[in-house]
């Protein structure tokens, strides 16, 4: 009698910041469903994520989103093999909603619980379409809260090489967008405006933090834009309202150029350090088309096959597909959590 191999179906839950997400992924690669309830409109008027508002929205959305993901997958709870949840890093008041929901469902449905690091999961988004990954890989996560470089030896073996010491790249995009009186979130609008600007019009700093450093710093860059718009003594009015659209586009292009320069150069340093064969790129800022272009150009010049794996744009921002996908590897390795699992604000 022939044995039929059953797929491993994992329900993933993500509530680390301002997206309530659930997804079902089979065998770590087949996306059966993906549901995301965005909170952008709730936070837009504040120019950033308000933790209490995020937490309340998660409470309202979490079970409808989970139910929609299971229904979209055409499955029932009995078909789910394990429940995975992002428990770190992120906003504690947001994480606790997802962790509590996951633990409750594991208890009610008698399922195994898998804890997932949200940042590590971002890299899984870049691996989704790759059947055989050439390792080692340098992995760059660029998001609103984090900018990190890893030496990736396997989906479960990540060595932190460097991270931001102040503002993350995505946070800098949001703050500069605010200075330029642009909408939130800042990344997409700056990218759009920068296309018509001159990236060499404004001399902005590139903080490399030493010849061998793999850490990041974007605070000085953000401050340089602020001084350009408001004066060195910060006593003058923000001049943006008197600027032409071309002048604003030039600032946006110069800022984007500086951020991308640093990201690409630091990634090149990491490639040289670990002898990488592949570069993985994930996180919200990985959706930036100019970053993708520049990173591919660099990979073409230094890697034998120019192997750059970038998360599909729909999986660059926070989602639960990446949670369930990484959880599959932990499922196969027998790495389960118990119902005492707690959220952690930090964790690289």
C-alpha atoms as a PDB file:
ATOM      1  CA  UNK A   1       0.000   0.000   0.000  1.00  0.00           C
ATOM      2  CA  UNK A   2       1.479   3.353  -1.042  1.00  0.00           C
ATOM      3  CA  UNK A   3       1.935   5.958   1.695  1.00  0.00           C
ATOM      4  CA  UNK A   4       0.682   9.442   0.932  1.00  0.00           C
ATOM      5  CA  UNK A   5       2.787  12.198   2.477  1.00  0.00           C
ATOM      6  CA  UNK A   6       0.578  14.720   4.233  1.00  0.00           C
ATOM      7  CA  UNK A   7       1.460  18.395   4.056  1.00  0.00           C
ATOM      8  CA  UNK A   8       2.445  20.185   7.235  1.00  0.00           C
ATOM      9  CA  UNK A   9      -0.017  23.063   7.585  1.00  0.00           C
ATOM     10  CA  UNK A  10       1.033  25.835   9.916  1.00  0.00           C
ATOM     11  CA  UNK A  11      -1.115  28.760  10.988  1.00  0.00           C
ATOM     12  CA  UNK A  12       1.026  31.863  11.460  1.00  0.00           C
ATOM     13  CA  UNK A  13       0.053  34.911  13.533  1.00  0.00           C
ATOM     14  CA  UNK A  14       1.776  38.306  13.400  1.00  0.00           C
ATOM     15  CA  UNK A  15       1.005  41.330  15.625  1.00  0.00           C
ATOM     16  CA  UNK A  16       4.428  42.806  16.349  1.00  0.00           C
ATOM     17  CA  UNK A  17       3.573  46.380  15.339  1.00  0.00           C
ATOM     18  CA  UNK A  18       0.654  47.787  13.359  1.00  0.00           C
ATOM     19  CA  UNK A  19      -0.420  44.908  11.108  1.00  0.00           C
ATOM     20  CA  UNK A  20      -2.772  42.197  12.331  1.00  0.00           C
ATOM     21  CA  UNK A  21      -1.956  39.217  10.140  1.00  0.00           C
ATOM     22  CA  UNK A  22      -2.666  35.507   9.865  1.00  0.00           C
ATOM     23  CA  UNK A  23      -1.699  32.986   7.202  1.00  0.00           C
ATOM     24  CA  UNK A  24      -1.652  29.275   6.514  1.00  0.00           C
ATOM     25  CA  UNK A  25       1.454  27.916   4.810  1.00  0.00           C
ATOM     26  CA  UNK A  26       1.979  24.273   3.796  1.00  0.00           C
ATOM     27  CA  UNK A  27       5.440  22.717   4.025  1.00  0.00           C
ATOM     28  CA  UNK A  28       7.046  26.109   4.531  1.00  0.00           C
ATOM     29  CA  UNK A  29       6.589  27.255   0.926  1.00  0.00           C
ATOM     30  CA  UNK A  30       3.018  26.865  -0.314  1.00  0.00           C
ATOM     31  CA  UNK A  31       0.966  29.901   0.670  1.00  0.00           C
ATOM     32  CA  UNK A  32      -2.583  28.659   1.266  1.00  0.00           C
ATOM     33  CA  UNK A  33      -3.847  31.976   2.616  1.00  0.00           C
ATOM     34  CA  UNK A  34      -2.679  35.377   3.775  1.00  0.00           C
ATOM     35  CA  UNK A  35      -4.843  37.965   5.513  1.00  0.00           C
ATOM     36  CA  UNK A  36      -3.576  41.340   6.752  1.00  0.00           C
ATOM     37  CA  UNK A  37      -5.560  44.061   8.520  1.00  0.00           C
ATOM     38  CA  UNK A  38      -3.582  47.264   8.122  1.00  0.00           C
ATOM     39  CA  UNK A  39      -3.638  50.093  10.646  1.00  0.00           C
ATOM     40  CA  UNK A  40      -1.966  52.756   8.485  1.00  0.00           C
ATOM     41  CA  UNK A  41      -5.035  54.995   8.447  1.00  0.00           C
ATOM     42  CA  UNK A  42      -5.284  54.868  12.250  1.00  0.00           C
ATOM     43  CA  UNK A  43      -1.715  56.054  12.779  1.00  0.00           C
ATOM     44  CA  UNK A  44      -1.269  58.382   9.788  1.00  0.00           C
ATOM     45  CA  UNK A  45      -2.403  61.553  11.586  1.00  0.00           C
ATOM     46  CA  UNK A  46       0.197  60.939  14.307  1.00  0.00           C
ATOM     47  CA  UNK A  47       3.047  60.423  11.847  1.00  0.00           C
ATOM     48  CA  UNK A  48       3.959  57.094  13.450  1.00  0.00           C
ATOM     49  CA  UNK A  49       2.632  54.078  15.328  1.00  0.00           C
ATOM     50  CA  UNK A  50       0.857  54.783  18.632  1.00  0.00           C
ATOM     51  CA  UNK A  51       1.244  51.606  20.760  1.00  0.00           C
ATOM     52  CA  UNK A  52      -2.093  51.839  22.598  1.00  0.00           C
ATOM     53  CA  UNK A  53      -4.026  52.405  19.374  1.00  0.00           C
ATOM     54  CA  UNK A  54      -2.174  49.498  17.756  1.00  0.00           C
ATOM     55  CA  UNK A  55      -2.988  47.176  20.642  1.00  0.00           C
ATOM     56  CA  UNK A  56      -6.694  48.029  20.605  1.00  0.00           C
ATOM     57  CA  UNK A  57      -6.900  47.492  16.848  1.00  0.00           C
ATOM     58  CA  UNK A  58      -5.191  44.099  17.206  1.00  0.00           C
ATOM     59  CA  UNK A  59      -7.762  43.088  19.826  1.00  0.00           C
ATOM     60  CA  UNK A  60     -10.582  43.965  17.437  1.00  0.00           C
ATOM     61  CA  UNK A  61      -9.042  42.276  14.401  1.00  0.00           C
ATOM     62  CA  UNK A  62      -7.177  39.222  15.659  1.00  0.00           C
ATOM     63  CA  UNK A  63      -9.895  36.535  15.611  1.00  0.00           C
ATOM     64  CA  UNK A  64     -11.672  37.764  12.456  1.00  0.00           C
ATOM     65  CA  UNK A  65      -8.300  37.753  10.681  1.00  0.00           C
ATOM     66  CA  UNK A  66      -7.433  34.246  11.925  1.00  0.00           C
ATOM     67  CA  UNK A  67     -10.848  32.907  10.936  1.00  0.00           C
ATOM     68  CA  UNK A  68     -10.520  34.504   7.495  1.00  0.00           C
ATOM     69  CA  UNK A  69      -7.082  32.919   6.974  1.00  0.00           C
ATOM     70  CA  UNK A  70      -8.338  29.432   7.825  1.00  0.00           C
ATOM     71  CA  UNK A  71     -11.435  29.864   5.676  1.00  0.00           C
ATOM     72  CA  UNK A  72      -9.403  31.250   2.754  1.00  0.00           C
ATOM     73  CA  UNK A  73      -7.138  28.196   2.953  1.00  0.00           C
ATOM     74  CA  UNK A  74     -10.174  25.910   2.723  1.00  0.00           C
ATOM     75  CA  UNK A  75      -9.182  24.149   5.922  1.00  0.00           C
ATOM     76  CA  UNK A  76     -10.597  23.505   9.369  1.00  0.00           C
ATOM     77  CA  UNK A  77      -8.766  23.626  12.712  1.00  0.00           C
ATOM     78  CA  UNK A  78      -8.287  19.854  12.548  1.00  0.00           C
ATOM     79  CA  UNK A  79      -6.141  20.322   9.426  1.00  0.00           C
ATOM     80  CA  UNK A  80      -3.703  22.665  11.228  1.00  0.00           C
ATOM     81  CA  UNK A  81      -0.563  20.923  12.514  1.00  0.00           C
ATOM     82  CA  UNK A  82       0.863  23.774  14.581  1.00  0.00           C
ATOM     83  CA  UNK A  83       0.303  27.425  15.418  1.00  0.00           C
ATOM     84  CA  UNK A  84       3.193  29.855  15.099  1.00  0.00           C
ATOM     85  CA  UNK A  85       3.341  33.362  16.495  1.00  0.00           C
ATOM     86  CA  UNK A  86       5.810  36.242  16.441  1.00  0.00           C
ATOM     87  CA  UNK A  87       6.752  36.805  20.090  1.00  0.00           C
ATOM     88  CA  UNK A  88       9.747  39.116  19.540  1.00  0.00           C
ATOM     89  CA  UNK A  89      10.853  41.821  18.866  1.00  0.00           C
ATOM     90  CA  UNK A  90       8.165  44.502  18.681  1.00  0.00           C
ATOM     91  CA  UNK A  91       5.728  46.547  20.726  1.00  0.00           C
ATOM     92  CA  UNK A  92       4.970  44.513  23.843  1.00  0.00           C
ATOM     93  CA  UNK A  93       1.340  45.665  23.967  1.00  0.00           C
ATOM     94  CA  UNK A  94       0.927  44.543  20.355  1.00  0.00           C
ATOM     95  CA  UNK A  95       2.832  41.264  20.636  1.00  0.00           C
ATOM     96  CA  UNK A  96       0.821  40.176  23.651  1.00  0.00           C
ATOM     97  CA  UNK A  97      -2.383  40.116  21.586  1.00  0.00           C
ATOM     98  CA  UNK A  98      -0.957  37.669  19.055  1.00  0.00           C
ATOM     99  CA  UNK A  99       0.819  35.545  21.660  1.00  0.00           C
ATOM    100  CA  UNK A 100      -2.318  35.268  23.799  1.00  0.00           C
ATOM    101  CA  UNK A 101      -4.450  34.330  20.798  1.00  0.00           C
ATOM    102  CA  UNK A 102      -1.940  31.684  19.688  1.00  0.00           C
ATOM    103  CA  UNK A 103      -1.684  30.136  23.129  1.00  0.00           C
ATOM    104  CA  UNK A 104      -5.472  30.125  23.530  1.00  0.00           C
ATOM    105  CA  UNK A 105      -5.985  28.354  20.205  1.00  0.00           C
ATOM    106  CA  UNK A 106      -3.213  25.839  20.939  1.00  0.00           C
ATOM    107  CA  UNK A 107      -4.941  24.966  24.212  1.00  0.00           C
ATOM    108  CA  UNK A 108      -8.430  24.843  22.682  1.00  0.00           C
ATOM    109  CA  UNK A 109      -7.429  22.897  19.566  1.00  0.00           C
ATOM    110  CA  UNK A 110      -4.667  20.789  21.156  1.00  0.00           C
ATOM    111  CA  UNK A 111      -1.978  22.071  18.780  1.00  0.00           C
ATOM    112  CA  UNK A 112       1.767  22.590  19.119  1.00  0.00           C
ATOM    113  CA  UNK A 113       2.990  26.164  19.664  1.00  0.00           C
ATOM    114  CA  UNK A 114       5.985  27.617  17.816  1.00  0.00           C
ATOM    115  CA  UNK A 115       7.631  30.901  18.793  1.00  0.00           C
ATOM    116  CA  UNK A 116       9.120  32.925  15.938  1.00  0.00           C
ATOM    117  CA  UNK A 117      11.493  35.876  15.895  1.00  0.00           C
ATOM    118  CA  UNK A 118       9.812  38.494  13.720  1.00  0.00           C
ATOM    119  CA  UNK A 119      13.117  39.720  12.241  1.00  0.00           C
ATOM    120  CA  UNK A 120      14.346  36.252  11.310  1.00  0.00           C
ATOM    121  CA  UNK A 121      10.996  35.623   9.650  1.00  0.00           C
ATOM    122  CA  UNK A 122      11.472  38.633   7.352  1.00  0.00           C
ATOM    123  CA  UNK A 123      14.364  36.751   5.757  1.00  0.00           C
ATOM    124  CA  UNK A 124      12.146  33.740   5.184  1.00  0.00           C
ATOM    125  CA  UNK A 125      10.059  35.936   2.872  1.00  0.00           C
ATOM    126  CA  UNK A 126      13.099  36.257   0.622  1.00  0.00           C
ATOM    127  CA  UNK A 127      13.600  32.472   0.564  1.00  0.00           C
ATOM    128  CA  UNK A 128      10.013  31.516  -0.292  1.00  0.00           C
ATOM    129  CA  UNK A 129      10.574  30.960  -3.995  1.00  0.00           C
ATOM    130  CA  UNK A 130      14.026  29.379  -3.700  1.00  0.00           C
ATOM    131  CA  UNK A 131      14.119  25.579  -3.764  1.00  0.00           C
ATOM    132  CA  UNK A 132      17.846  25.329  -2.962  1.00  0.00           C
ATOM    133  CA  UNK A 133      19.591  28.157  -1.158  1.00  0.00           C
ATOM    134  CA  UNK A 134      23.319  28.685  -1.825  1.00  0.00           C
ATOM    135  CA  UNK A 135      24.922  29.253   1.559  1.00  0.00           C
ATOM    136  CA  UNK A 136      26.363  31.041   3.404  1.00  0.00           C
ATOM    137  CA  UNK A 137      24.260  34.099   2.755  1.00  0.00           C
ATOM    138  CA  UNK A 138      24.417  37.669   3.965  1.00  0.00           C
ATOM    139  CA  UNK A 139      20.954  38.716   5.081  1.00  0.00           C
ATOM    140  CA  UNK A 140      19.865  42.346   5.375  1.00  0.00           C
ATOM    141  CA  UNK A 141      16.653  43.326   7.136  1.00  0.00           C
ATOM    142  CA  UNK A 142      15.597  46.945   6.582  1.00  0.00           C
ATOM    143  CA  UNK A 143      12.403  48.030   8.290  1.00  0.00           C
ATOM    144  CA  UNK A 144      10.830  50.829  10.287  1.00  0.00           C
ATOM    145  CA  UNK A 145      12.208  49.552  13.565  1.00  0.00           C
ATOM    146  CA  UNK A 146      15.328  47.613  12.614  1.00  0.00           C
ATOM    147  CA  UNK A 147      18.272  47.582  10.254  1.00  0.00           C
ATOM    148  CA  UNK A 148      20.313  44.399  10.716  1.00  0.00           C
ATOM    149  CA  UNK A 149      22.892  42.289   8.927  1.00  0.00           C
ATOM    150  CA  UNK A 150      23.153  38.542   9.519  1.00  0.00           C
ATOM    151  CA  UNK A 151      25.370  35.674   8.472  1.00  0.00           C
ATOM    152  CA  UNK A 152      22.759  33.106   7.418  1.00  0.00           C
ATOM    153  CA  UNK A 153      24.001  29.501   7.503  1.00  0.00           C
ATOM    154  CA  UNK A 154      20.475  28.060   7.400  1.00  0.00           C
ATOM    155  CA  UNK A 155      16.961  29.348   8.115  1.00  0.00           C
ATOM    156  CA  UNK A 156      17.563  28.458  11.770  1.00  0.00           C
ATOM    157  CA  UNK A 157      21.219  29.536  12.016  1.00  0.00           C
ATOM    158  CA  UNK A 158      21.556  33.310  11.954  1.00  0.00           C
ATOM    159  CA  UNK A 159      24.542  35.173  13.358  1.00  0.00           C
ATOM    160  CA  UNK A 160      24.030  38.884  13.941  1.00  0.00           C
ATOM    161  CA  UNK A 161      26.796  40.857  12.232  1.00  0.00           C
ATOM    162  CA  UNK A 162      25.557  44.391  12.813  1.00  0.00           C
ATOM    163  CA  UNK A 163      22.511  46.475  13.640  1.00  0.00           C
ATOM    164  CA  UNK A 164      21.452  50.074  14.005  1.00  0.00           C
ATOM    165  CA  UNK A 165      22.798  52.065  16.947  1.00  0.00           C
ATOM    166  CA  UNK A 166      20.068  54.705  16.649  1.00  0.00           C
ATOM    167  CA  UNK A 167      17.396  55.266  13.989  1.00  0.00           C
ATOM    168  CA  UNK A 168      16.526  52.399  11.671  1.00  0.00           C
ATOM    169  CA  UNK A 169      16.407  53.152   7.950  1.00  0.00           C
ATOM    170  CA  UNK A 170      12.613  52.995   7.786  1.00  0.00           C
ATOM    171  CA  UNK A 171      12.299  55.254  10.808  1.00  0.00           C
ATOM    172  CA  UNK A 172      14.593  57.777   9.118  1.00  0.00           C
ATOM    173  CA  UNK A 173      12.372  57.688   6.010  1.00  0.00           C
ATOM    174  CA  UNK A 174       9.327  58.450   8.164  1.00  0.00           C
ATOM    175  CA  UNK A 175      11.034  61.293  10.031  1.00  0.00           C
ATOM    176  CA  UNK A 176      12.395  62.905   6.876  1.00  0.00           C
ATOM    177  CA  UNK A 177       8.963  62.630   5.267  1.00  0.00           C
ATOM    178  CA  UNK A 178       7.581  64.476   8.290  1.00  0.00           C
ATOM    179  CA  UNK A 179      10.241  67.199   7.935  1.00  0.00           C
ATOM    180  CA  UNK A 180       9.311  67.555   4.259  1.00  0.00           C
ATOM    181  CA  UNK A 181       5.611  67.680   5.203  1.00  0.00           C
ATOM    182  CA  UNK A 182       4.874  64.493   3.270  1.00  0.00           C
ATOM    183  CA  UNK A 183       2.388  61.767   4.150  1.00  0.00           C
ATOM    184  CA  UNK A 184       2.891  58.719   6.368  1.00  0.00           C
ATOM    185  CA  UNK A 185       4.369  56.163   5.911  1.00  0.00           C
ATOM    186  CA  UNK A 186       7.388  57.987   4.543  1.00  0.00           C
ATOM    187  CA  UNK A 187       9.134  55.278   2.543  1.00  0.00           C
ATOM    188  CA  UNK A 188       6.749  54.984  -0.416  1.00  0.00           C
ATOM    189  CA  UNK A 189       6.171  58.727  -0.792  1.00  0.00           C
ATOM    190  CA  UNK A 190       9.878  59.608  -0.627  1.00  0.00           C
ATOM    191  CA  UNK A 191      10.659  56.915  -3.204  1.00  0.00           C
ATOM    192  CA  UNK A 192       7.986  58.305  -5.521  1.00  0.00           C
ATOM    193  CA  UNK A 193       9.079  61.936  -5.201  1.00  0.00           C
ATOM    194  CA  UNK A 194      12.785  61.064  -5.434  1.00  0.00           C
ATOM    195  CA  UNK A 195      12.289  59.762  -8.980  1.00  0.00           C
ATOM    196  CA  UNK A 196      12.045  63.358 -10.237  1.00  0.00           C
ATOM    197  CA  UNK A 197      14.820  64.714  -8.010  1.00  0.00           C
ATOM    198  CA  UNK A 198      18.587  65.086  -8.345  1.00  0.00           C
ATOM    199  CA  UNK A 199      20.313  62.725  -5.860  1.00  0.00           C
ATOM    200  CA  UNK A 200      23.503  64.802  -6.020  1.00  0.00           C
ATOM    201  CA  UNK A 201      21.859  68.146  -5.298  1.00  0.00           C
ATOM    202  CA  UNK A 202      22.451  68.009  -1.548  1.00  0.00           C
ATOM    203  CA  UNK A 203      25.623  66.800   0.171  1.00  0.00           C
ATOM    204  CA  UNK A 204      24.448  64.576   2.999  1.00  0.00           C
ATOM    205  CA  UNK A 205      26.569  62.453   5.380  1.00  0.00           C
ATOM    206  CA  UNK A 206      27.115  58.721   5.064  1.00  0.00           C
ATOM    207  CA  UNK A 207      27.829  57.351   8.517  1.00  0.00           C
ATOM    208  CA  UNK A 208      30.002  54.259   8.048  1.00  0.00           C
ATOM    209  CA  UNK A 209      31.134  53.995  11.723  1.00  0.00           C
ATOM    210  CA  UNK A 210      34.672  52.873  10.932  1.00  0.00           C
ATOM    211  CA  UNK A 211      36.368  50.845   8.226  1.00  0.00           C
ATOM    212  CA  UNK A 212      35.206  47.439   9.483  1.00  0.00           C
ATOM    213  CA  UNK A 213      31.929  48.300  11.178  1.00  0.00           C
ATOM    214  CA  UNK A 214      28.747  46.494  10.122  1.00  0.00           C
ATOM    215  CA  UNK A 215      26.521  48.603  12.364  1.00  0.00           C
ATOM    216  CA  UNK A 216      24.246  51.346  11.049  1.00  0.00           C
ATOM    217  CA  UNK A 217      23.460  54.925  12.058  1.00  0.00           C
ATOM    218  CA  UNK A 218      20.922  57.138  10.300  1.00  0.00           C
ATOM    219  CA  UNK A 219      20.289  59.722  13.015  1.00  0.00           C
ATOM    220  CA  UNK A 220      22.944  62.118  11.694  1.00  0.00           C
ATOM    221  CA  UNK A 221      21.535  61.882   8.182  1.00  0.00           C
ATOM    222  CA  UNK A 222      18.049  62.715   9.414  1.00  0.00           C
ATOM    223  CA  UNK A 223      19.448  65.645  11.418  1.00  0.00           C
ATOM    224  CA  UNK A 224      21.317  66.956   8.364  1.00  0.00           C
ATOM    225  CA  UNK A 225      18.030  67.119   6.454  1.00  0.00           C
ATOM    226  CA  UNK A 226      16.406  68.855   9.423  1.00  0.00           C
ATOM    227  CA  UNK A 227      19.182  71.486   9.573  1.00  0.00           C
ATOM    228  CA  UNK A 228      18.919  72.039   5.831  1.00  0.00           C
ATOM    229  CA  UNK A 229      15.208  72.774   6.176  1.00  0.00           C
ATOM    230  CA  UNK A 230      15.223  74.693   9.472  1.00  0.00           C
ATOM    231  CA  UNK A 231      18.735  76.116   9.840  1.00  0.00           C
ATOM    232  CA  UNK A 232      21.701  74.975  11.929  1.00  0.00           C
ATOM    233  CA  UNK A 233      20.447  76.708  15.082  1.00  0.00           C
ATOM    234  CA  UNK A 234      16.916  75.286  14.638  1.00  0.00           C
ATOM    235  CA  UNK A 235      15.549  78.772  15.350  1.00  0.00           C
ATOM    236  CA  UNK A 236      14.258  79.379  11.873  1.00  0.00           C
ATOM    237  CA  UNK A 237      10.963  78.205  10.459  1.00  0.00           C
ATOM    238  CA  UNK A 238      10.770  75.064   8.399  1.00  0.00           C
ATOM    239  CA  UNK A 239      11.436  76.373   4.878  1.00  0.00           C
ATOM    240  CA  UNK A 240       9.689  73.467   3.187  1.00  0.00           C
ATOM    241  CA  UNK A 241       6.419  75.368   2.770  1.00  0.00           C
ATOM    242  CA  UNK A 242       8.297  77.943   0.664  1.00  0.00           C
ATOM    243  CA  UNK A 243      10.140  75.315  -1.404  1.00  0.00           C
ATOM    244  CA  UNK A 244       9.190  74.281  -4.915  1.00  0.00           C
ATOM    245  CA  UNK A 245       8.248  70.690  -5.702  1.00  0.00           C
ATOM    246  CA  UNK A 246      11.583  70.329  -7.502  1.00  0.00           C
ATOM    247  CA  UNK A 247      13.503  71.403  -4.391  1.00  0.00           C
ATOM    248  CA  UNK A 248      11.598  68.923  -2.225  1.00  0.00           C
ATOM    249  CA  UNK A 249      12.213  66.192  -4.801  1.00  0.00           C
ATOM    250  CA  UNK A 250      15.950  66.988  -4.736  1.00  0.00           C
ATOM    251  CA  UNK A 251      16.057  66.630  -0.943  1.00  0.00           C
ATOM    252  CA  UNK A 252      14.116  63.358  -1.100  1.00  0.00           C
ATOM    253  CA  UNK A 253      16.411  61.984  -3.814  1.00  0.00           C
ATOM    254  CA  UNK A 254      19.573  63.038  -1.960  1.00  0.00           C
ATOM    255  CA  UNK A 255      18.319  61.492   1.268  1.00  0.00           C
ATOM    256  CA  UNK A 256      17.331  58.223  -0.413  1.00  0.00           C
ATOM    257  CA  UNK A 257      20.699  58.087  -2.181  1.00  0.00           C
ATOM    258  CA  UNK A 258      22.540  58.450   1.135  1.00  0.00           C
ATOM    259  CA  UNK A 259      20.519  55.703   2.838  1.00  0.00           C
ATOM    260  CA  UNK A 260      20.933  53.287  -0.056  1.00  0.00           C
ATOM    261  CA  UNK A 261      24.663  54.036  -0.333  1.00  0.00           C
ATOM    262  CA  UNK A 262      25.176  52.966   3.278  1.00  0.00           C
ATOM    263  CA  UNK A 263      22.986  49.861   3.016  1.00  0.00           C
ATOM    264  CA  UNK A 264      24.742  48.636  -0.120  1.00  0.00           C
ATOM    265  CA  UNK A 265      28.270  49.365   1.104  1.00  0.00           C
ATOM    266  CA  UNK A 266      27.671  47.685   4.465  1.00  0.00           C
ATOM    267  CA  UNK A 267      26.213  44.629   2.730  1.00  0.00           C
ATOM    268  CA  UNK A 268      29.311  44.467   0.515  1.00  0.00           C
ATOM    269  CA  UNK A 269      31.480  44.550   3.643  1.00  0.00           C
ATOM    270  CA  UNK A 270      29.480  41.660   5.102  1.00  0.00           C
ATOM    271  CA  UNK A 271      29.847  39.641   1.885  1.00  0.00           C
ATOM    272  CA  UNK A 272      33.610  40.051   2.068  1.00  0.00           C
ATOM    273  CA  UNK A 273      33.642  39.112   5.750  1.00  0.00           C
ATOM    274  CA  UNK A 274      31.719  35.822   5.495  1.00  0.00           C
ATOM    275  CA  UNK A 275      32.451  34.817   1.892  1.00  0.00           C
ATOM    276  CA  UNK A 276      28.759  34.846   1.048  1.00  0.00           C
ATOM    277  CA  UNK A 277      27.307  33.211  -2.061  1.00  0.00           C
ATOM    278  CA  UNK A 278      23.892  34.829  -1.745  1.00  0.00           C
ATOM    279  CA  UNK A 279      22.352  38.029  -0.420  1.00  0.00           C
ATOM    280  CA  UNK A 280      18.901  38.010   1.187  1.00  0.00           C
ATOM    281  CA  UNK A 281      16.937  41.245   1.460  1.00  0.00           C
ATOM    282  CA  UNK A 282      13.744  41.655   3.485  1.00  0.00           C
ATOM    283  CA  UNK A 283      11.727  44.096   5.571  1.00  0.00           C
ATOM    284  CA  UNK A 284       9.479  47.009   4.678  1.00  0.00           C
ATOM    285  CA  UNK A 285      12.216  49.144   3.121  1.00  0.00           C
ATOM    286  CA  UNK A 286      13.141  46.199   0.865  1.00  0.00           C
ATOM    287  CA  UNK A 287      10.113  47.213  -1.216  1.00  0.00           C
ATOM    288  CA  UNK A 288      12.054  50.316  -2.312  1.00  0.00           C
ATOM    289  CA  UNK A 289      12.790  49.909  -6.035  1.00  0.00           C
ATOM    290  CA  UNK A 290      15.987  51.981  -5.967  1.00  0.00           C
ATOM    291  CA  UNK A 291      17.417  49.885  -3.122  1.00  0.00           C
ATOM    292  CA  UNK A 292      16.603  46.713  -5.063  1.00  0.00           C
ATOM    293  CA  UNK A 293      18.302  48.083  -8.170  1.00  0.00           C
ATOM    294  CA  UNK A 294      21.459  49.199  -6.393  1.00  0.00           C
ATOM    295  CA  UNK A 295      21.706  45.984  -4.395  1.00  0.00           C
ATOM    296  CA  UNK A 296      21.368  43.896  -7.553  1.00  0.00           C
ATOM    297  CA  UNK A 297      24.064  45.943  -9.286  1.00  0.00           C
ATOM    298  CA  UNK A 298      26.400  45.352  -6.356  1.00  0.00           C
ATOM    299  CA  UNK A 299      25.630  41.619  -6.248  1.00  0.00           C
ATOM    300  CA  UNK A 300      26.221  41.324  -9.998  1.00  0.00           C
ATOM    301  CA  UNK A 301      29.680  42.806  -9.534  1.00  0.00           C
ATOM    302  CA  UNK A 302      30.877  40.795  -6.508  1.00  0.00           C
ATOM    303  CA  UNK A 303      28.989  37.475  -6.447  1.00  0.00           C
ATOM    304  CA  UNK A 304      29.686  34.679  -8.965  1.00  0.00           C
ATOM    305  CA  UNK A 305      26.029  34.367  -9.938  1.00  0.00           C
ATOM    306  CA  UNK A 306      24.866  37.774  -8.712  1.00  0.00           C
ATOM    307  CA  UNK A 307      22.476  35.902  -6.429  1.00  0.00           C
ATOM    308  CA  UNK A 308      20.173  38.382  -4.723  1.00  0.00           C
ATOM    309  CA  UNK A 309      16.948  37.063  -3.220  1.00  0.00           C
ATOM    310  CA  UNK A 310      14.468  39.798  -2.334  1.00  0.00           C
ATOM    311  CA  UNK A 311      11.147  39.315  -0.594  1.00  0.00           C
ATOM    312  CA  UNK A 312       8.162  39.819  -2.933  1.00  0.00           C
ATOM    313  CA  UNK A 313       6.733  43.276  -2.319  1.00  0.00           C
ATOM    314  CA  UNK A 314       3.537  41.936  -0.764  1.00  0.00           C
ATOM    315  CA  UNK A 315       5.684  40.141   1.833  1.00  0.00           C
ATOM    316  CA  UNK A 316       8.140  42.964   2.569  1.00  0.00           C
ATOM    317  CA  UNK A 317       5.870  44.617   5.110  1.00  0.00           C
ATOM    318  CA  UNK A 318       4.739  42.675   8.174  1.00  0.00           C
ATOM    319  CA  UNK A 319       2.776  39.552   7.314  1.00  0.00           C
ATOM    320  CA  UNK A 320       2.063  36.111   8.728  1.00  0.00           C
ATOM    321  CA  UNK A 321       3.269  34.115   5.711  1.00  0.00           C
ATOM    322  CA  UNK A 322       6.845  34.698   6.833  1.00  0.00           C
ATOM    323  CA  UNK A 323       5.949  33.571  10.376  1.00  0.00           C
ATOM    324  CA  UNK A 324       4.384  30.304   9.232  1.00  0.00           C
ATOM    325  CA  UNK A 325       7.149  29.677   6.699  1.00  0.00           C
ATOM    326  CA  UNK A 326       9.973  29.944   9.224  1.00  0.00           C
ATOM    327  CA  UNK A 327       7.936  27.971  11.738  1.00  0.00           C
ATOM    328  CA  UNK A 328       7.934  24.994   9.365  1.00  0.00           C
ATOM    329  CA  UNK A 329      11.704  24.644   9.819  1.00  0.00           C
ATOM    330  CA  UNK A 330      11.293  24.835  13.593  1.00  0.00           C
ATOM    331  CA  UNK A 331       8.484  22.240  13.359  1.00  0.00           C
ATOM    332  CA  UNK A 332      10.766  19.828  11.493  1.00  0.00           C
ATOM    333  CA  UNK A 333      13.526  20.436  14.046  1.00  0.00           C
ATOM    334  CA  UNK A 334      11.155  19.835  16.967  1.00  0.00           C
ATOM    335  CA  UNK A 335      11.599  23.359  18.331  1.00  0.00           C
ATOM    336  CA  UNK A 336       8.330  23.987  20.122  1.00  0.00           C
ATOM    337  CA  UNK A 337       7.312  26.427  22.838  1.00  0.00           C
ATOM    338  CA  UNK A 338       5.017  25.844  25.788  1.00  0.00           C
ATOM    339  CA  UNK A 339       2.048  27.816  27.037  1.00  0.00           C
ATOM    340  CA  UNK A 340       4.229  29.929  29.339  1.00  0.00           C
ATOM    341  CA  UNK A 341       5.525  31.777  26.238  1.00  0.00           C
ATOM    342  CA  UNK A 342       5.711  35.538  26.756  1.00  0.00           C
ATOM    343  CA  UNK A 343       6.293  38.422  24.323  1.00  0.00           C
ATOM    344  CA  UNK A 344       9.669  40.196  24.277  1.00  0.00           C
ATOM    345  CA  UNK A 345      10.144  43.776  23.118  1.00  0.00           C
ATOM    346  CA  UNK A 346      13.737  43.148  22.021  1.00  0.00           C
ATOM    347  CA  UNK A 347      15.476  40.280  20.313  1.00  0.00           C
ATOM    348  CA  UNK A 348      17.825  40.393  17.340  1.00  0.00           C
END
